[in-house]
Amino acid sequence: APGKQRQLVAAITPGGRTNYADSVKGRFTISRDNAKNTVYLQMNSL
């Protein structure tokens, strides 16, 4: 965010294990498609 340091929001291992910052738990979902080399972040209740 403007004037702030970069911070981790969510992370996912190659096997699919996830962890989230407390501020986004229950609202954001991280996922990955290994076939497409793509990682997603679904953000709800913004």
ModelCIF file with pLDDT and N, C-alpha, C, O atoms, coordinates in Angstrom:
data_MODEL
#
_entry.id   MODEL 
#
_entity.id                         1 
_entity.type                       polymer 
_entity.pdbx_number_of_molecules   1 
#
_entity_poly.entity_id                      1 
_entity_poly.type                           'polypeptide(L)' 
_entity_poly.nstd_linkage                   no 
_entity_poly.nstd_monomer                   no 
_entity_poly.pdbx_seq_one_letter_code       APGKQRQLVAAITPGGRTNYADSVKGRFTISRDNAKNTVYLQMNSL 
_entity_poly.pdbx_seq_one_letter_code_can   APGKQRQLVAAITPGGRTNYADSVKGRFTISRDNAKNTVYLQMNSL 
_entity_poly.pdbx_strand_id                 A 
#
loop_
_entity_poly_seq.entity_id 
_entity_poly_seq.num 
_entity_poly_seq.mon_id 
_entity_poly_seq.hetero 
1 1  ALA n 
1 2  PRO n 
1 3  GLY n 
1 4  LYS n 
1 5  GLN n 
1 6  ARG n 
1 7  GLN n 
1 8  LEU n 
1 9  VAL n 
1 10 ALA n 
1 11 ALA n 
1 12 ILE n 
1 13 THR n 
1 14 PRO n 
1 15 GLY n 
1 16 GLY n 
1 17 ARG n 
1 18 THR n 
1 19 ASN n 
1 20 TYR n 
1 21 ALA n 
1 22 ASP n 
1 23 SER n 
1 24 VAL n 
1 25 LYS n 
1 26 GLY n 
1 27 ARG n 
1 28 PHE n 
1 29 THR n 
1 30 ILE n 
1 31 SER n 
1 32 ARG n 
1 33 ASP n 
1 34 ASN n 
1 35 ALA n 
1 36 LYS n 
1 37 ASN n 
1 38 THR n 
1 39 VAL n 
1 40 TYR n 
1 41 LEU n 
1 42 GLN n 
1 43 MET n 
1 44 ASN n 
1 45 SER n 
1 46 LEU n 
#
_struct_asym.id          A 
_struct_asym.entity_id   1 
#
loop_
_ma_qa_metric.id 
_ma_qa_metric.mode 
_ma_qa_metric.name 
_ma_qa_metric.software_group_id 
_ma_qa_metric.type 
1 global pLDDT . pLDDT 
2 local  pLDDT . pLDDT 
#
_ma_qa_metric_global.metric_id      1 
_ma_qa_metric_global.metric_value   95.35 
_ma_qa_metric_global.model_id       1 
_ma_qa_metric_global.ordinal_id     1 
#
loop_
_ma_qa_metric_local.label_asym_id 
_ma_qa_metric_local.label_comp_id 
_ma_qa_metric_local.label_seq_id 
_ma_qa_metric_local.metric_id 
_ma_qa_metric_local.metric_value 
_ma_qa_metric_local.model_id 
_ma_qa_metric_local.ordinal_id 
A ALA 1  2 96.00 1 1  
A PRO 2  2 92.00 1 2  
A GLY 3  2 94.00 1 3  
A LYS 4  2 96.00 1 4  
A GLN 5  2 96.00 1 5  
A ARG 6  2 96.00 1 6  
A GLN 7  2 96.00 1 7  
A LEU 8  2 97.00 1 8  
A VAL 9  2 98.00 1 9  
A ALA 10 2 98.00 1 10 
A ALA 11 2 97.00 1 11 
A ILE 12 2 96.00 1 12 
A THR 13 2 93.00 1 13 
A PRO 14 2 89.00 1 14 
A GLY 15 2 90.00 1 15 
A GLY 16 2 93.00 1 16 
A ARG 17 2 96.00 1 17 
A THR 18 2 97.00 1 18 
A ASN 19 2 97.00 1 19 
A TYR 20 2 98.00 1 20 
A ALA 21 2 98.00 1 21 
A ASP 22 2 98.00 1 22 
A SER 23 2 97.00 1 23 
A VAL 24 2 98.00 1 24 
A LYS 25 2 98.00 1 25 
A GLY 26 2 97.00 1 26 
A ARG 27 2 98.00 1 27 
A PHE 28 2 98.00 1 28 
A THR 29 2 98.00 1 29 
A ILE 30 2 98.00 1 30 
A SER 31 2 96.00 1 31 
A ARG 32 2 93.00 1 32 
A ASP 33 2 91.00 1 33 
A ASN 34 2 84.00 1 34 
A ALA 35 2 86.00 1 35 
A LYS 36 2 90.00 1 36 
A ASN 37 2 90.00 1 37 
A THR 38 2 93.00 1 38 
A VAL 39 2 95.00 1 39 
A TYR 40 2 97.00 1 40 
A LEU 41 2 98.00 1 41 
A GLN 42 2 98.00 1 42 
A MET 43 2 98.00 1 43 
A ASN 44 2 98.00 1 44 
A SER 45 2 98.00 1 45 
A LEU 46 2 98.00 1 46 
#
loop_
_atom_site.group_PDB 
_atom_site.id 
_atom_site.type_symbol 
_atom_site.label_atom_id 
_atom_site.label_alt_id 
_atom_site.label_comp_id 
_atom_site.label_asym_id 
_atom_site.label_entity_id 
_atom_site.label_seq_id 
_atom_site.pdbx_PDB_ins_code 
_atom_site.Cartn_x 
_atom_site.Cartn_y 
_atom_site.Cartn_z 
_atom_site.occupancy 
_atom_site.B_iso_or_equiv 
_atom_site.pdbx_formal_charge 
_atom_site.auth_seq_id 
_atom_site.auth_comp_id 
_atom_site.auth_asym_id 
_atom_site.auth_atom_id 
_atom_site.pdbx_PDB_model_num 
ATOM 1   N N  . ALA A 1 1  ? 0.850   -1.182  0.000   1.00 96.00 ? 1  ALA A N  1 
ATOM 2   C CA . ALA A 1 1  ? 0.000   0.000   0.000   1.00 96.00 ? 1  ALA A CA 1 
ATOM 3   C C  . ALA A 1 1  ? 0.895   1.244   0.000   1.00 96.00 ? 1  ALA A C  1 
ATOM 4   O O  . ALA A 1 1  ? 2.057   1.163   0.396   1.00 96.00 ? 1  ALA A O  1 
ATOM 5   N N  . PRO A 1 2  ? 0.373   2.382   -0.434  1.00 92.00 ? 2  PRO A N  1 
ATOM 6   C CA . PRO A 1 2  ? 1.167   3.613   -0.472  1.00 92.00 ? 2  PRO A CA 1 
ATOM 7   C C  . PRO A 1 2  ? 1.764   3.936   0.897   1.00 92.00 ? 2  PRO A C  1 
ATOM 8   O O  . PRO A 1 2  ? 1.058   3.965   1.905   1.00 92.00 ? 2  PRO A O  1 
ATOM 9   N N  . GLY A 1 3  ? 3.068   4.176   0.913   1.00 94.00 ? 3  GLY A N  1 
ATOM 10  C CA . GLY A 1 3  ? 3.744   4.551   2.142   1.00 94.00 ? 3  GLY A CA 1 
ATOM 11  C C  . GLY A 1 3  ? 4.009   3.412   3.101   1.00 94.00 ? 3  GLY A C  1 
ATOM 12  O O  . GLY A 1 3  ? 4.477   3.636   4.217   1.00 94.00 ? 3  GLY A O  1 
ATOM 13  N N  . LYS A 1 4  ? 3.716   2.185   2.678   1.00 96.00 ? 4  LYS A N  1 
ATOM 14  C CA . LYS A 1 4  ? 3.920   1.034   3.560   1.00 96.00 ? 4  LYS A CA 1 
ATOM 15  C C  . LYS A 1 4  ? 4.857   0.020   2.919   1.00 96.00 ? 4  LYS A C  1 
ATOM 16  O O  . LYS A 1 4  ? 5.079   0.035   1.708   1.00 96.00 ? 4  LYS A O  1 
ATOM 17  N N  . GLN A 1 5  ? 5.398   -0.855  3.748   1.00 96.00 ? 5  GLN A N  1 
ATOM 18  C CA . GLN A 1 5  ? 6.263   -1.907  3.244   1.00 96.00 ? 5  GLN A CA 1 
ATOM 19  C C  . GLN A 1 5  ? 5.449   -3.012  2.583   1.00 96.00 ? 5  GLN A C  1 
ATOM 20  O O  . GLN A 1 5  ? 4.279   -3.218  2.906   1.00 96.00 ? 5  GLN A O  1 
ATOM 21  N N  . ARG A 1 6  ? 6.075   -3.703  1.671   1.00 96.00 ? 6  ARG A N  1 
ATOM 22  C CA . ARG A 1 6  ? 5.446   -4.859  1.048   1.00 96.00 ? 6  ARG A CA 1 
ATOM 23  C C  . ARG A 1 6  ? 5.265   -5.947  2.100   1.00 96.00 ? 6  ARG A C  1 
ATOM 24  O O  . ARG A 1 6  ? 6.158   -6.192  2.911   1.00 96.00 ? 6  ARG A O  1 
ATOM 25  N N  . GLN A 1 7  ? 4.097   -6.601  2.081   1.00 96.00 ? 7  GLN A N  1 
ATOM 26  C CA . GLN A 1 7  ? 3.809   -7.644  3.073   1.00 96.00 ? 7  GLN A CA 1 
ATOM 27  C C  . GLN A 1 7  ? 3.206   -8.869  2.397   1.00 96.00 ? 7  GLN A C  1 
ATOM 28  O O  . GLN A 1 7  ? 2.579   -8.773  1.342   1.00 96.00 ? 7  GLN A O  1 
ATOM 29  N N  . LEU A 1 8  ? 3.408   -10.002 3.018   1.00 97.00 ? 8  LEU A N  1 
ATOM 30  C CA . LEU A 1 8  ? 2.840   -11.238 2.499   1.00 97.00 ? 8  LEU A CA 1 
ATOM 31  C C  . LEU A 1 8  ? 1.341   -11.284 2.800   1.00 97.00 ? 8  LEU A C  1 
ATOM 32  O O  . LEU A 1 8  ? 0.908   -10.972 3.910   1.00 97.00 ? 8  LEU A O  1 
ATOM 33  N N  . VAL A 1 9  ? 0.564   -11.673 1.801   1.00 98.00 ? 9  VAL A N  1 
ATOM 34  C CA . VAL A 1 9  ? -0.880  -11.828 1.964   1.00 98.00 ? 9  VAL A CA 1 
ATOM 35  C C  . VAL A 1 9  ? -1.245  -13.299 2.122   1.00 98.00 ? 9  VAL A C  1 
ATOM 36  O O  . VAL A 1 9  ? -2.018  -13.662 3.009   1.00 98.00 ? 9  VAL A O  1 
ATOM 37  N N  . ALA A 1 10 ? -0.682  -14.145 1.254   1.00 98.00 ? 10 ALA A N  1 
ATOM 38  C CA . ALA A 1 10 ? -1.000  -15.569 1.269   1.00 98.00 ? 10 ALA A CA 1 
ATOM 39  C C  . ALA A 1 10 ? 0.115   -16.324 0.574   1.00 98.00 ? 10 ALA A C  1 
ATOM 40  O O  . ALA A 1 10 ? 0.829   -15.763 -0.258  1.00 98.00 ? 10 ALA A O  1 
ATOM 41  N N  . ALA A 1 11 ? 0.266   -17.602 0.916   1.00 97.00 ? 11 ALA A N  1 
ATOM 42  C CA . ALA A 1 11 ? 1.293   -18.425 0.302   1.00 97.00 ? 11 ALA A CA 1 
ATOM 43  C C  . ALA A 1 11 ? 0.755   -19.833 0.101   1.00 97.00 ? 11 ALA A C  1 
ATOM 44  O O  . ALA A 1 11 ? -0.158  -20.272 0.800   1.00 97.00 ? 11 ALA A O  1 
ATOM 45  N N  . ILE A 1 12 ? 1.346   -20.541 -0.879  1.00 96.00 ? 12 ILE A N  1 
ATOM 46  C CA . ILE A 1 12 ? 0.919   -21.904 -1.175  1.00 96.00 ? 12 ILE A CA 1 
ATOM 47  C C  . ILE A 1 12 ? 2.121   -22.722 -1.602  1.00 96.00 ? 12 ILE A C  1 
ATOM 48  O O  . ILE A 1 12 ? 2.936   -22.269 -2.405  1.00 96.00 ? 12 ILE A O  1 
ATOM 49  N N  . THR A 1 13 ? 2.230   -23.935 -1.061  1.00 93.00 ? 13 THR A N  1 
ATOM 50  C CA . THR A 1 13 ? 3.327   -24.824 -1.408  1.00 93.00 ? 13 THR A CA 1 
ATOM 51  C C  . THR A 1 13 ? 3.026   -25.538 -2.720  1.00 93.00 ? 13 THR A C  1 
ATOM 52  O O  . THR A 1 13 ? 1.888   -25.510 -3.187  1.00 93.00 ? 13 THR A O  1 
ATOM 53  N N  . PRO A 1 14 ? 4.036   -26.184 -3.327  1.00 89.00 ? 14 PRO A N  1 
ATOM 54  C CA . PRO A 1 14 ? 3.748   -26.956 -4.547  1.00 89.00 ? 14 PRO A CA 1 
ATOM 55  C C  . PRO A 1 14 ? 2.691   -28.028 -4.315  1.00 89.00 ? 14 PRO A C  1 
ATOM 56  O O  . PRO A 1 14 ? 1.972   -28.397 -5.244  1.00 89.00 ? 14 PRO A O  1 
ATOM 57  N N  . GLY A 1 15 ? 2.590   -28.526 -3.100  1.00 90.00 ? 15 GLY A N  1 
ATOM 58  C CA . GLY A 1 15 ? 1.598   -29.545 -2.778  1.00 90.00 ? 15 GLY A CA 1 
ATOM 59  C C  . GLY A 1 15 ? 0.238   -29.004 -2.394  1.00 90.00 ? 15 GLY A C  1 
ATOM 60  O O  . GLY A 1 15 ? -0.703  -29.770 -2.185  1.00 90.00 ? 15 GLY A O  1 
ATOM 61  N N  . GLY A 1 16 ? 0.122   -27.660 -2.297  1.00 93.00 ? 16 GLY A N  1 
ATOM 62  C CA . GLY A 1 16 ? -1.185  -27.072 -2.028  1.00 93.00 ? 16 GLY A CA 1 
ATOM 63  C C  . GLY A 1 16 ? -1.436  -26.617 -0.609  1.00 93.00 ? 16 GLY A C  1 
ATOM 64  O O  . GLY A 1 16 ? -2.542  -26.174 -0.297  1.00 93.00 ? 16 GLY A O  1 
ATOM 65  N N  . ARG A 1 17 ? -0.443  -26.713 0.266   1.00 96.00 ? 17 ARG A N  1 
ATOM 66  C CA . ARG A 1 17 ? -0.640  -26.226 1.631   1.00 96.00 ? 17 ARG A CA 1 
ATOM 67  C C  . ARG A 1 17 ? -0.612  -24.704 1.610   1.00 96.00 ? 17 ARG A C  1 
ATOM 68  O O  . ARG A 1 17 ? 0.219   -24.094 0.936   1.00 96.00 ? 17 ARG A O  1 
ATOM 69  N N  . THR A 1 18 ? -1.537  -24.097 2.362   1.00 97.00 ? 18 THR A N  1 
ATOM 70  C CA . THR A 1 18 ? -1.674  -22.642 2.312   1.00 97.00 ? 18 THR A CA 1 
ATOM 71  C C  . THR A 1 18 ? -1.504  -21.998 3.682   1.00 97.00 ? 18 THR A C  1 
ATOM 72  O O  . THR A 1 18 ? -1.681  -22.641 4.717   1.00 97.00 ? 18 THR A O  1 
ATOM 73  N N  . ASN A 1 19 ? -1.159  -20.720 3.665   1.00 97.00 ? 19 ASN A N  1 
ATOM 74  C CA . ASN A 1 19 ? -1.222  -19.910 4.877   1.00 97.00 ? 19 ASN A CA 1 
ATOM 75  C C  . ASN A 1 19 ? -1.558  -18.476 4.479   1.00 97.00 ? 19 ASN A C  1 
ATOM 76  O O  . ASN A 1 19 ? -1.272  -18.036 3.365   1.00 97.00 ? 19 ASN A O  1 
ATOM 77  N N  . TYR A 1 20 ? -2.175  -17.758 5.426   1.00 98.00 ? 20 TYR A N  1 
ATOM 78  C CA . TYR A 1 20 ? -2.715  -16.440 5.130   1.00 98.00 ? 20 TYR A CA 1 
ATOM 79  C C  . TYR A 1 20 ? -2.350  -15.455 6.231   1.00 98.00 ? 20 TYR A C  1 
ATOM 80  O O  . TYR A 1 20 ? -2.180  -15.826 7.393   1.00 98.00 ? 20 TYR A O  1 
ATOM 81  N N  . ALA A 1 21 ? -2.234  -14.192 5.837   1.00 98.00 ? 21 ALA A N  1 
ATOM 82  C CA . ALA A 1 21 ? -2.128  -13.131 6.825   1.00 98.00 ? 21 ALA A CA 1 
ATOM 83  C C  . ALA A 1 21 ? -3.451  -13.049 7.590   1.00 98.00 ? 21 ALA A C  1 
ATOM 84  O O  . ALA A 1 21 ? -4.517  -13.291 7.025   1.00 98.00 ? 21 ALA A O  1 
ATOM 85  N N  . ASP A 1 22 ? -3.375  -12.710 8.856   1.00 98.00 ? 22 ASP A N  1 
ATOM 86  C CA . ASP A 1 22 ? -4.583  -12.651 9.685   1.00 98.00 ? 22 ASP A CA 1 
ATOM 87  C C  . ASP A 1 22 ? -5.622  -11.712 9.084   1.00 98.00 ? 22 ASP A C  1 
ATOM 88  O O  . ASP A 1 22 ? -6.823  -11.957 9.196   1.00 98.00 ? 22 ASP A O  1 
ATOM 89  N N  . SER A 1 23 ? -5.169  -10.653 8.455   1.00 97.00 ? 23 SER A N  1 
ATOM 90  C CA . SER A 1 23 ? -6.089  -9.632  7.947   1.00 97.00 ? 23 SER A CA 1 
ATOM 91  C C  . SER A 1 23 ? -6.947  -10.118 6.784   1.00 97.00 ? 23 SER A C  1 
ATOM 92  O O  . SER A 1 23 ? -7.949  -9.482  6.455   1.00 97.00 ? 23 SER A O  1 
ATOM 93  N N  . VAL A 1 24 ? -6.576  -11.232 6.155   1.00 98.00 ? 24 VAL A N  1 
ATOM 94  C CA . VAL A 1 24 ? -7.335  -11.703 4.985   1.00 98.00 ? 24 VAL A CA 1 
ATOM 95  C C  . VAL A 1 24 ? -7.929  -13.085 5.189   1.00 98.00 ? 24 VAL A C  1 
ATOM 96  O O  . VAL A 1 24 ? -8.626  -13.587 4.308   1.00 98.00 ? 24 VAL A O  1 
ATOM 97  N N  . LYS A 1 25 ? -7.673  -13.710 6.324   1.00 98.00 ? 25 LYS A N  1 
ATOM 98  C CA . LYS A 1 25 ? -8.207  -15.049 6.579   1.00 98.00 ? 25 LYS A CA 1 
ATOM 99  C C  . LYS A 1 25 ? -9.722  -15.051 6.479   1.00 98.00 ? 25 LYS A C  1 
ATOM 100 O O  . LYS A 1 25 ? -10.396 -14.175 7.021   1.00 98.00 ? 25 LYS A O  1 
ATOM 101 N N  . GLY A 1 26 ? -10.251 -16.051 5.776   1.00 97.00 ? 26 GLY A N  1 
ATOM 102 C CA . GLY A 1 26 ? -11.690 -16.169 5.606   1.00 97.00 ? 26 GLY A CA 1 
ATOM 103 C C  . GLY A 1 26 ? -12.242 -15.353 4.452   1.00 97.00 ? 26 GLY A C  1 
ATOM 104 O O  . GLY A 1 26 ? -13.406 -15.515 4.084   1.00 97.00 ? 26 GLY A O  1 
ATOM 105 N N  . ARG A 1 27 ? -11.427 -14.479 3.874   1.00 98.00 ? 27 ARG A N  1 
ATOM 106 C CA . ARG A 1 27 ? -11.882 -13.643 2.750   1.00 98.00 ? 27 ARG A CA 1 
ATOM 107 C C  . ARG A 1 27 ? -11.121 -13.953 1.458   1.00 98.00 ? 27 ARG A C  1 
ATOM 108 O O  . ARG A 1 27 ? -11.700 -13.901 0.373   1.00 98.00 ? 27 ARG A O  1 
ATOM 109 N N  . PHE A 1 28 ? -9.846  -14.269 1.567   1.00 98.00 ? 28 PHE A N  1 
ATOM 110 C CA . PHE A 1 28 ? -9.001  -14.525 0.391   1.00 98.00 ? 28 PHE A CA 1 
ATOM 111 C C  . PHE A 1 28 ? -8.684  -16.014 0.301   1.00 98.00 ? 28 PHE A C  1 
ATOM 112 O O  . PHE A 1 28 ? -8.582  -16.703 1.316   1.00 98.00 ? 28 PHE A O  1 
ATOM 113 N N  . THR A 1 29 ? -8.529  -16.499 -0.925  1.00 98.00 ? 29 THR A N  1 
ATOM 114 C CA . THR A 1 29 ? -8.151  -17.884 -1.161  1.00 98.00 ? 29 THR A CA 1 
ATOM 115 C C  . THR A 1 29 ? -7.070  -17.937 -2.227  1.00 98.00 ? 29 THR A C  1 
ATOM 116 O O  . THR A 1 29 ? -7.252  -17.435 -3.336  1.00 98.00 ? 29 THR A O  1 
ATOM 117 N N  . ILE A 1 30 ? -5.947  -18.546 -1.884  1.00 98.00 ? 30 ILE A N  1 
ATOM 118 C CA . ILE A 1 30 ? -4.858  -18.717 -2.849  1.00 98.00 ? 30 ILE A CA 1 
ATOM 119 C C  . ILE A 1 30 ? -4.938  -20.125 -3.424  1.00 98.00 ? 30 ILE A C  1 
ATOM 120 O O  . ILE A 1 30 ? -5.259  -21.078 -2.713  1.00 98.00 ? 30 ILE A O  1 
ATOM 121 N N  . SER A 1 31 ? -4.644  -20.249 -4.709  1.00 96.00 ? 31 SER A N  1 
ATOM 122 C CA . SER A 1 31 ? -4.634  -21.561 -5.356  1.00 96.00 ? 31 SER A CA 1 
ATOM 123 C C  . SER A 1 31 ? -3.605  -21.534 -6.479  1.00 96.00 ? 31 SER A C  1 
ATOM 124 O O  . SER A 1 31 ? -3.095  -20.475 -6.847  1.00 96.00 ? 31 SER A O  1 
ATOM 125 N N  . ARG A 1 32 ? -3.312  -22.698 -7.010  1.00 93.00 ? 32 ARG A N  1 
ATOM 126 C CA . ARG A 1 32 ? -2.337  -22.776 -8.088  1.00 93.00 ? 32 ARG A CA 1 
ATOM 127 C C  . ARG A 1 32 ? -2.749  -23.834 -9.090  1.00 93.00 ? 32 ARG A C  1 
ATOM 128 O O  . ARG A 1 32 ? -3.350  -24.847 -8.732  1.00 93.00 ? 32 ARG A O  1 
ATOM 129 N N  . ASP A 1 33 ? -2.419  -23.588 -10.355 1.00 91.00 ? 33 ASP A N  1 
ATOM 130 C CA . ASP A 1 33 ? -2.631  -24.550 -11.425 1.00 91.00 ? 33 ASP A CA 1 
ATOM 131 C C  . ASP A 1 33 ? -1.251  -24.915 -11.948 1.00 91.00 ? 33 ASP A C  1 
ATOM 132 O O  . ASP A 1 33 ? -0.646  -24.162 -12.709 1.00 91.00 ? 33 ASP A O  1 
ATOM 133 N N  . ASN A 1 34 ? -0.766  -26.063 -11.538 1.00 84.00 ? 34 ASN A N  1 
ATOM 134 C CA . ASN A 1 34 ? 0.603   -26.436 -11.898 1.00 84.00 ? 34 ASN A CA 1 
ATOM 135 C C  . ASN A 1 34 ? 0.766   -26.642 -13.402 1.00 84.00 ? 34 ASN A C  1 
ATOM 136 O O  . ASN A 1 34 ? 1.858   -26.441 -13.935 1.00 84.00 ? 34 ASN A O  1 
ATOM 137 N N  . ALA A 1 35 ? -0.292  -27.036 -14.087 1.00 86.00 ? 35 ALA A N  1 
ATOM 138 C CA . ALA A 1 35 ? -0.215  -27.253 -15.533 1.00 86.00 ? 35 ALA A CA 1 
ATOM 139 C C  . ALA A 1 35 ? -0.058  -25.942 -16.289 1.00 86.00 ? 35 ALA A C  1 
ATOM 140 O O  . ALA A 1 35 ? 0.472   -25.919 -17.399 1.00 86.00 ? 35 ALA A O  1 
ATOM 141 N N  . LYS A 1 36 ? -0.522  -24.847 -15.684 1.00 90.00 ? 36 LYS A N  1 
ATOM 142 C CA . LYS A 1 36 ? -0.472  -23.544 -16.338 1.00 90.00 ? 36 LYS A CA 1 
ATOM 143 C C  . LYS A 1 36 ? 0.571   -22.621 -15.735 1.00 90.00 ? 36 LYS A C  1 
ATOM 144 O O  . LYS A 1 36 ? 0.686   -21.464 -16.139 1.00 90.00 ? 36 LYS A O  1 
ATOM 145 N N  . ASN A 1 37 ? 1.334   -23.123 -14.770 1.00 90.00 ? 37 ASN A N  1 
ATOM 146 C CA . ASN A 1 37 ? 2.331   -22.275 -14.088 1.00 90.00 ? 37 ASN A CA 1 
ATOM 147 C C  . ASN A 1 37 ? 1.698   -20.990 -13.572 1.00 90.00 ? 37 ASN A C  1 
ATOM 148 O O  . ASN A 1 37 ? 2.287   -19.914 -13.680 1.00 90.00 ? 37 ASN A O  1 
ATOM 149 N N  . THR A 1 38 ? 0.516   -21.104 -13.021 1.00 93.00 ? 38 THR A N  1 
ATOM 150 C CA . THR A 1 38 ? -0.244  -19.926 -12.615 1.00 93.00 ? 38 THR A CA 1 
ATOM 151 C C  . THR A 1 38 ? -0.697  -20.062 -11.166 1.00 93.00 ? 38 THR A C  1 
ATOM 152 O O  . THR A 1 38 ? -1.126  -21.128 -10.725 1.00 93.00 ? 38 THR A O  1 
ATOM 153 N N  . VAL A 1 39 ? -0.589  -18.959 -10.446 1.00 95.00 ? 39 VAL A N  1 
ATOM 154 C CA . VAL A 1 39 ? -1.097  -18.897 -9.084  1.00 95.00 ? 39 VAL A CA 1 
ATOM 155 C C  . VAL A 1 39 ? -2.200  -17.832 -9.054  1.00 95.00 ? 39 VAL A C  1 
ATOM 156 O O  . VAL A 1 39 ? -2.085  -16.787 -9.693  1.00 95.00 ? 39 VAL A O  1 
ATOM 157 N N  . TYR A 1 40 ? -3.259  -18.113 -8.307  1.00 97.00 ? 40 TYR A N  1 
ATOM 158 C CA . TYR A 1 40 ? -4.423  -17.237 -8.254  1.00 97.00 ? 40 TYR A CA 1 
ATOM 159 C C  . TYR A 1 40 ? -4.641  -16.717 -6.831  1.00 97.00 ? 40 TYR A C  1 
ATOM 160 O O  . TYR A 1 40 ? -4.199  -17.320 -5.853  1.00 97.00 ? 40 TYR A O  1 
ATOM 161 N N  . LEU A 1 41 ? -5.328  -15.594 -6.749  1.00 98.00 ? 41 LEU A N  1 
ATOM 162 C CA . LEU A 1 41 ? -5.785  -15.083 -5.463  1.00 98.00 ? 41 LEU A CA 1 
ATOM 163 C C  . LEU A 1 41 ? -7.226  -14.621 -5.627  1.00 98.00 ? 41 LEU A C  1 
ATOM 164 O O  . LEU A 1 41 ? -7.497  -13.594 -6.249  1.00 98.00 ? 41 LEU A O  1 
ATOM 165 N N  . GLN A 1 42 ? -8.138  -15.390 -5.063  1.00 98.00 ? 42 GLN A N  1 
ATOM 166 C CA . GLN A 1 42 ? -9.547  -15.014 -5.048  1.00 98.00 ? 42 GLN A CA 1 
ATOM 167 C C  . GLN A 1 42 ? -9.783  -14.139 -3.829  1.00 98.00 ? 42 GLN A C  1 
ATOM 168 O O  . GLN A 1 42 ? -9.533  -14.551 -2.697  1.00 98.00 ? 42 GLN A O  1 
ATOM 169 N N  . MET A 1 43 ? -10.267 -12.927 -4.070  1.00 98.00 ? 43 MET A N  1 
ATOM 170 C CA . MET A 1 43 ? -10.467 -11.968 -2.983  1.00 98.00 ? 43 MET A CA 1 
ATOM 171 C C  . MET A 1 43 ? -11.945 -11.624 -2.881  1.00 98.00 ? 43 MET A C  1 
ATOM 172 O O  . MET A 1 43 ? -12.524 -11.054 -3.805  1.00 98.00 ? 43 MET A O  1 
ATOM 173 N N  . ASN A 1 44 ? -12.543 -11.970 -1.766  1.00 98.00 ? 44 ASN A N  1 
ATOM 174 C CA . ASN A 1 44 ? -13.958 -11.691 -1.511  1.00 98.00 ? 44 ASN A CA 1 
ATOM 175 C C  . ASN A 1 44 ? -14.087 -10.724 -0.338  1.00 98.00 ? 44 ASN A C  1 
ATOM 176 O O  . ASN A 1 44 ? -13.146 -10.526 0.430   1.00 98.00 ? 44 ASN A O  1 
ATOM 177 N N  . SER A 1 45 ? -15.264 -10.131 -0.217  1.00 98.00 ? 45 SER A N  1 
ATOM 178 C CA . SER A 1 45 ? -15.551 -9.208  0.895   1.00 98.00 ? 45 SER A CA 1 
ATOM 179 C C  . SER A 1 45 ? -14.441 -8.163  1.024   1.00 98.00 ? 45 SER A C  1 
ATOM 180 O O  . SER A 1 45 ? -13.929 -7.917  2.116   1.00 98.00 ? 45 SER A O  1 
ATOM 181 N N  . LEU A 1 46 ? -14.090 -7.570  -0.077  1.00 98.00 ? 46 LEU A N  1 
ATOM 182 C CA . LEU A 1 46 ? -12.976 -6.615  -0.089  1.00 98.00 ? 46 LEU A CA 1 
ATOM 183 C C  . LEU A 1 46 ? -13.287 -5.387  0.752   1.00 98.00 ? 46 LEU A C  1 
ATOM 184 O O  . LEU A 1 46 ? -12.458 -4.482  0.853   1.00 98.00 ? 46 LEU A O  1 
#
